[in-house]
Every structure is written in C-alpha cells, then in structure tokens.
C-alpha atoms as a PDB file:
ATOM      1  CA  MET A   1     -75.541  74.341   6.778  1.00  0.00           C
ATOM      2  CA  PRO A   2     -74.045  71.504   8.865  1.00  0.00           C
ATOM      3  CA  GLU A   3     -76.204  72.442  11.861  1.00  0.00           C
ATOM      4  CA  ALA A   4     -79.388  72.377   9.787  1.00  0.00           C
ATOM      5  CA  TYR A   5     -78.365  69.049   8.206  1.00  0.00           C
ATOM      6  CA  ASN A   6     -77.778  67.531  11.649  1.00  0.00           C
ATOM      7  CA  LYS A   7     -81.146  68.836  12.832  1.00  0.00           C
ATOM      8  CA  LEU A   8     -82.972  67.315   9.839  1.00  0.00           C
ATOM      9  CA  THR A   9     -81.207  63.943   9.921  1.00  0.00           C
ATOM     10  CA  ASN A  10     -81.860  63.459  13.639  1.00  0.00           C
ATOM     11  CA  ILE A  11     -85.643  63.735  13.589  1.00  0.00           C
ATOM     12  CA  ASN A  12     -87.319  60.929  15.499  1.00  0.00           C
ATOM     13  CA  LEU A  13     -90.834  60.100  14.352  1.00  0.00           C
ATOM     14  CA  PRO A  14     -93.176  57.713  16.145  1.00  0.00           C
ATOM     15  CA  GLU A  15     -93.530  54.217  14.674  1.00  0.00           C
ATOM     16  CA  PRO A  16     -94.432  53.449  11.876  1.00  0.00           C
ATOM     17  CA  LEU A  17     -93.787  56.927  10.401  1.00  0.00           C
ATOM     18  CA  GLU A  18     -90.651  57.540   8.324  1.00  0.00           C
ATOM     19  CA  LEU A  19     -89.064  60.584   6.762  1.00  0.00           C
ATOM     20  CA  LEU A  20     -89.849  60.556   3.046  1.00  0.00           C
ATOM     21  CA  CYS A  21     -87.165  62.904   1.765  1.00  0.00           C
ATOM     22  CA  ASN A  22     -84.347  62.924   4.314  1.00  0.00           C
ATOM     23  CA  PRO A  23     -82.521  65.275   4.842  1.00  0.00           C
ATOM     24  CA  TRP A  24     -85.148  67.638   3.380  1.00  0.00           C
ATOM     25  CA  SER A  25     -87.873  68.673   5.780  1.00  0.00           C
ATOM     26  CA  GLY A  26     -90.576  68.288   3.123  1.00  0.00           C
ATOM     27  CA  ALA A  27     -91.315  67.734  -0.535  1.00  0.00           C
ATOM     28  CA  ALA A  28     -93.822  69.108  -3.031  1.00  0.00           C
ATOM     29  CA  ILE A  29     -94.430  67.586  -6.443  1.00  0.00           C
ATOM     30  CA  ASN A  30     -96.102  69.945  -8.890  1.00  0.00           C
ATOM     31  CA  GLN A  31     -97.342  68.089 -11.933  1.00  0.00           C
ATOM     32  CA  GLN A  32     -99.753  68.688 -14.774  1.00  0.00           C
ATOM     33  CA  ILE A  33     -99.627  72.445 -14.259  1.00  0.00           C
ATOM     34  CA  THR A  34    -101.774  74.097 -16.933  1.00  0.00           C
ATOM     35  CA  PRO A  35    -102.396  77.783 -17.703  1.00  0.00           C
ATOM     36  CA  ASP A  36    -105.506  77.468 -15.516  1.00  0.00           C
ATOM     37  CA  SER A  37    -103.545  76.029 -12.586  1.00  0.00           C
ATOM     38  CA  ILE A  38    -100.411  78.172 -12.539  1.00  0.00           C
ATOM     39  CA  LEU A  39     -98.933  78.277  -9.053  1.00  0.00           C
ATOM     40  CA  GLN A  40     -99.595  81.608  -7.441  1.00  0.00           C
ATOM     41  CA  HIS A  41     -96.578  83.472  -6.181  1.00  0.00           C
ATOM     42  CA  HIS A  42     -95.849  82.617  -2.586  1.00  0.00           C
ATOM     43  CA  GLN A  43     -93.118  82.402   0.005  1.00  0.00           C
ATOM     44  CA  ASP A  44     -92.426  79.249   2.038  1.00  0.00           C
ATOM     45  CA  TRP A  45     -92.712  80.882   5.449  1.00  0.00           C
ATOM     46  CA  LYS A  46     -92.614  77.637   7.422  1.00  0.00           C
ATOM     47  CA  ASP A  47     -89.418  76.292   5.818  1.00  0.00           C
ATOM     48  CA  ILE A  48     -86.206  76.301   7.807  1.00  0.00           C
ATOM     49  CA  ARG A  49     -84.750  79.666   6.807  1.00  0.00           C
ATOM     50  CA  SER A  50     -81.174  78.397   6.467  1.00  0.00           C
ATOM     51  CA  LEU A  51     -82.024  75.615   3.999  1.00  0.00           C
ATOM     52  CA  PRO A  52     -82.629  75.919   0.256  1.00  0.00           C
ATOM     53  CA  ASN A  53     -85.485  74.556  -1.810  1.00  0.00           C
ATOM     54  CA  ALA A  54     -84.558  72.256  -4.681  1.00  0.00           C
ATOM     55  CA  VAL A  55     -86.409  72.505  -8.007  1.00  0.00           C
ATOM     56  CA  ILE A  56     -85.913  69.431 -10.202  1.00  0.00           C
ATOM     57  CA  PRO A  57     -88.098  69.511 -13.325  1.00  0.00           C
ATOM     58  CA  TYR A  58     -89.063  66.303 -15.114  1.00  0.00           C
ATOM     59  CA  GLY A  59     -91.226  65.119 -18.006  1.00  0.00           C
ATOM     60  CA  ASN A  60     -92.293  66.714 -21.279  1.00  0.00           C
ATOM     61  CA  TYR A  61     -93.692  70.205 -20.904  1.00  0.00           C
ATOM     62  CA  GLN A  62     -93.672  73.752 -22.197  1.00  0.00           C
ATOM     63  CA  GLY A  63     -93.541  76.841 -19.996  1.00  0.00           C
ATOM     64  CA  GLY A  64     -93.577  76.481 -16.249  1.00  0.00           C
ATOM     65  CA  ASP A  65     -90.622  78.826 -15.811  1.00  0.00           C
ATOM     66  CA  LEU A  66     -89.689  79.662 -12.238  1.00  0.00           C
ATOM     67  CA  VAL A  67     -90.260  83.300 -11.282  1.00  0.00           C
ATOM     68  CA  LEU A  68     -88.224  84.787  -8.426  1.00  0.00           C
ATOM     69  CA  TRP A  69     -90.033  88.043  -7.763  1.00  0.00           C
ATOM     70  CA  GLN A  70     -87.573  89.950  -5.563  1.00  0.00           C
ATOM     71  CA  ALA A  71     -84.680  88.989  -7.855  1.00  0.00           C
ATOM     72  CA  LYS A  72     -86.784  90.151 -10.838  1.00  0.00           C
ATOM     73  CA  CYS A  73     -85.857  87.079 -12.862  1.00  0.00           C
ATOM     74  CA  ILE A  74     -87.548  84.255 -14.718  1.00  0.00           C
ATOM     75  CA  ILE A  75     -85.582  81.022 -14.896  1.00  0.00           C
ATOM     76  CA  GLU A  76     -86.292  78.533 -17.679  1.00  0.00           C
ATOM     77  CA  LEU A  77     -85.468  75.046 -16.411  1.00  0.00           C
ATOM     78  CA  GLN A  78     -85.208  71.865 -18.463  1.00  0.00           C
ATOM     79  CA  PRO A  79     -85.611  68.243 -17.324  1.00  0.00           C
ATOM     80  CA  GLY A  80     -82.377  67.214 -15.636  1.00  0.00           C
ATOM     81  CA  ASP A  81     -81.632  70.700 -14.276  1.00  0.00           C
ATOM     82  CA  VAL A  82     -81.402  71.308 -10.534  1.00  0.00           C
ATOM     83  CA  LEU A  83     -81.891  74.734  -9.000  1.00  0.00           C
ATOM     84  CA  LEU A  84     -81.414  75.537  -5.325  1.00  0.00           C
ATOM     85  CA  PHE A  85     -82.913  78.744  -3.959  1.00  0.00           C
ATOM     86  CA  MET A  86     -84.065  80.079  -0.627  1.00  0.00           C
ATOM     87  CA  GLY A  87     -87.840  79.625  -0.844  1.00  0.00           C
ATOM     88  CA  SER A  88     -88.355  80.936   2.680  1.00  0.00           C
ATOM     89  CA  LEU A  89     -86.696  84.231   1.704  1.00  0.00           C
ATOM     90  CA  LEU A  90     -87.757  84.675  -1.944  1.00  0.00           C
ATOM     91  CA  CYS A  91     -91.300  85.012  -3.222  1.00  0.00           C
ATOM     92  CA  HIS A  92     -91.666  82.554  -6.119  1.00  0.00           C
ATOM     93  CA  GLY A  93     -94.161  81.064  -8.568  1.00  0.00           C
ATOM     94  CA  ASN A  94     -94.251  79.855 -12.145  1.00  0.00           C
ATOM     95  CA  THR A  95     -95.384  80.995 -15.577  1.00  0.00           C
END
C-alpha cells in the first residue's frame, strides 16, 4: 500500500480547498440509521481498489451490523472497534 499512500498524500487541491481525511480519499458518516433507513447493499466502485475502507462505530445504538455479502458474514461492531475491509471489492450494507 505504500504507492497508494503516496498517491493520496500528494494530492494538490486548489486554494482554499483542503483534504478532510488525509490519507483517505473520502469519508462517509452514517448516523441515526433506523430500520426505515437501513443502508442498501452496495459496492464502492469508485474507491481506489488497493485501499481498504475503515468502519469505526460510535455512540449508543442497537443493530447496525455490517453485512459482507460475498463473504456471507454479518459482523457485529461495538463503539471503539475498527474494521478495515475492501469496500471496492466486497458488496456491503448493514442490518
């Protein structure tokens, strides 16, 4: 991953723009997910294929388990956990 890291840390944006989550290429914050707003399963096609996604749950909640469809697994995460997975390669969603 050193090549991908170098690519992401050497991005030049025009003034006054700044990278918000260096060295990640983007960030998504999913909050207040309810049974009516469960994230549909999807794959992050536009992500850099050699870099993982990071899931870092926070707050007080029930449910919201991460589903990795091709791996046929449901992962129950607690606040303080960190999970890295290849979101560009694995279809994922939540319960």
